[in-house]
């Protein structure tokens, strides 16, 4: 069995193969971006849950101290300590030390 292909047919075949490879690579990049976005979204939800849990713990301790204990020093500590922790965390979170980590092809470092 012999195939008689013209130059145009061979070039068209290579063009189709090239197009398939390019579409496949673009799809894999898009899937990678979607996975990274999903991971970032999960981190935000996880962080929000931890923040709400800690806030509830702080409010609970403060409520017990305010309603059950008559010591003014303990009252000041119970009200000031969460503020100090929140100030520290917010300062760390809002201080930009690095503008993200850009990925390089081949995993090389600068």
Protein backbone atom coordinates (compact mmCIF):
# COMPACT_ATOMS: atom_id res chain seq x y z
CA UNK A 1 0.00 0.00 0.00
CA UNK A 2 1.46 3.29 -1.10
CA UNK A 3 0.41 6.77 -0.01
CA UNK A 4 0.80 9.51 -2.53
CA UNK A 5 0.64 12.81 -0.66
CA UNK A 6 1.26 16.21 -2.12
CA UNK A 7 3.36 18.83 -0.38
CA UNK A 8 0.22 20.77 0.47
CA UNK A 9 -1.34 17.75 2.14
CA UNK A 10 1.78 17.12 4.24
CA UNK A 11 1.96 20.78 5.26
CA UNK A 12 -1.75 20.76 6.11
CA UNK A 13 -1.21 17.65 8.28
CA UNK A 14 1.66 19.33 10.14
CA UNK A 15 -0.47 22.45 10.56
CA UNK A 16 -3.30 20.42 12.10
CA UNK A 17 -0.86 18.66 14.45
CA UNK A 18 0.68 21.99 15.45
CA UNK A 19 -2.77 23.46 16.13
CA UNK A 20 -3.68 20.46 18.29
CA UNK A 21 -0.49 20.77 20.32
CA UNK A 22 -1.04 24.50 20.85
CA UNK A 23 -4.65 23.99 21.95
CA UNK A 24 -3.59 21.21 24.31
CA UNK A 25 -0.86 23.38 25.89
CA UNK A 26 -3.23 26.34 26.27
CA UNK A 27 -5.75 24.05 27.97
CA UNK A 28 -3.17 22.76 30.42
CA UNK A 29 -2.09 26.33 31.28
CA UNK A 30 -5.69 27.34 31.81
CA UNK A 31 -6.27 24.29 34.03
CA UNK A 32 -3.17 25.18 36.08
CA UNK A 33 -4.42 28.76 36.52
CA UNK A 34 -7.86 27.51 37.55
CA UNK A 35 -6.30 25.16 40.12
CA UNK A 36 -4.18 27.98 41.58
CA UNK A 37 -7.26 30.22 41.78
CA UNK A 38 -9.21 27.48 43.56
CA UNK A 39 -6.38 27.01 46.06
CA UNK A 40 -6.27 30.74 46.74
CA UNK A 41 -10.04 30.77 47.28
CA UNK A 42 -9.81 27.85 49.70
CA UNK A 43 -7.08 29.67 51.64
CA UNK A 44 -9.33 32.73 51.99
CA UNK A 45 -12.24 30.63 53.28
CA UNK A 46 -9.97 28.78 55.69
CA UNK A 47 -8.51 32.06 56.94
CA UNK A 48 -11.99 33.54 57.41
CA UNK A 49 -13.05 30.52 59.47
CA UNK A 50 -10.01 30.81 61.73
CA UNK A 51 -10.57 34.55 62.16
CA UNK A 52 -14.21 34.01 63.14
CA UNK A 53 -13.26 31.25 65.60
CA UNK A 54 -10.61 33.40 67.29
CA UNK A 55 -12.97 36.39 67.41
CA UNK A 56 -15.59 34.23 69.12
CA UNK A 57 -12.99 33.05 71.64
CA UNK A 58 -11.91 36.63 72.40
CA UNK A 59 -15.51 37.79 72.80
CA UNK A 60 -16.27 34.84 75.09
CA UNK A 61 -13.31 35.53 77.37
CA UNK A 62 -14.09 39.24 77.45
CA UNK A 63 -17.75 38.57 78.28
CA UNK A 64 -16.79 36.29 81.18
CA UNK A 65 -14.31 38.83 82.57
CA UNK A 66 -16.71 41.77 82.24
CA UNK A 67 -19.72 40.01 83.76
CA UNK A 68 -18.14 37.76 86.40
CA UNK A 69 -14.96 39.41 87.72
CA UNK A 70 -14.73 42.76 89.53
CA UNK A 71 -10.96 43.22 89.21
CA UNK A 72 -10.27 46.39 87.15
CA UNK A 73 -6.72 45.27 86.19
CA UNK A 74 -8.01 42.00 84.79
CA UNK A 75 -10.71 43.93 82.93
CA UNK A 76 -8.11 46.18 81.26
CA UNK A 77 -5.96 43.17 80.33
CA UNK A 78 -8.96 41.28 78.92
CA UNK A 79 -9.93 44.26 76.78
CA UNK A 80 -6.43 45.36 75.72
CA UNK A 81 -4.79 42.00 74.92
CA UNK A 82 -7.02 41.15 71.92
CA UNK A 83 -6.47 44.66 70.58
CA UNK A 84 -2.70 44.20 70.76
CA UNK A 85 -2.90 40.84 69.01
CA UNK A 86 -5.20 42.24 66.31
CA UNK A 87 -2.94 45.24 65.78
CA UNK A 88 0.10 42.99 65.39
CA UNK A 89 -1.67 40.67 62.95
CA UNK A 90 -3.07 43.53 60.86
CA UNK A 91 0.29 45.27 60.76
CA UNK A 92 1.96 42.06 59.54
CA UNK A 93 -0.78 41.41 57.00
CA UNK A 94 -0.79 44.91 55.56
CA UNK A 95 2.98 45.35 55.42
CA UNK A 96 4.10 44.40 51.94
CA UNK A 97 7.57 42.91 52.02
CA UNK A 98 7.50 41.13 48.65
CA UNK A 99 5.35 41.51 45.55
CA UNK A 100 4.52 37.83 45.04
CA UNK A 101 6.74 35.15 43.66
CA UNK A 102 6.90 34.97 39.90
CA UNK A 103 7.40 31.53 38.48
CA UNK A 104 10.16 31.12 35.95
CA UNK A 105 10.27 28.53 33.25
CA UNK A 106 12.47 25.61 34.08
CA UNK A 107 12.35 26.36 37.81
CA UNK A 108 15.47 28.50 37.68
CA UNK A 109 16.33 31.13 40.25
CA UNK A 110 17.69 34.59 39.68
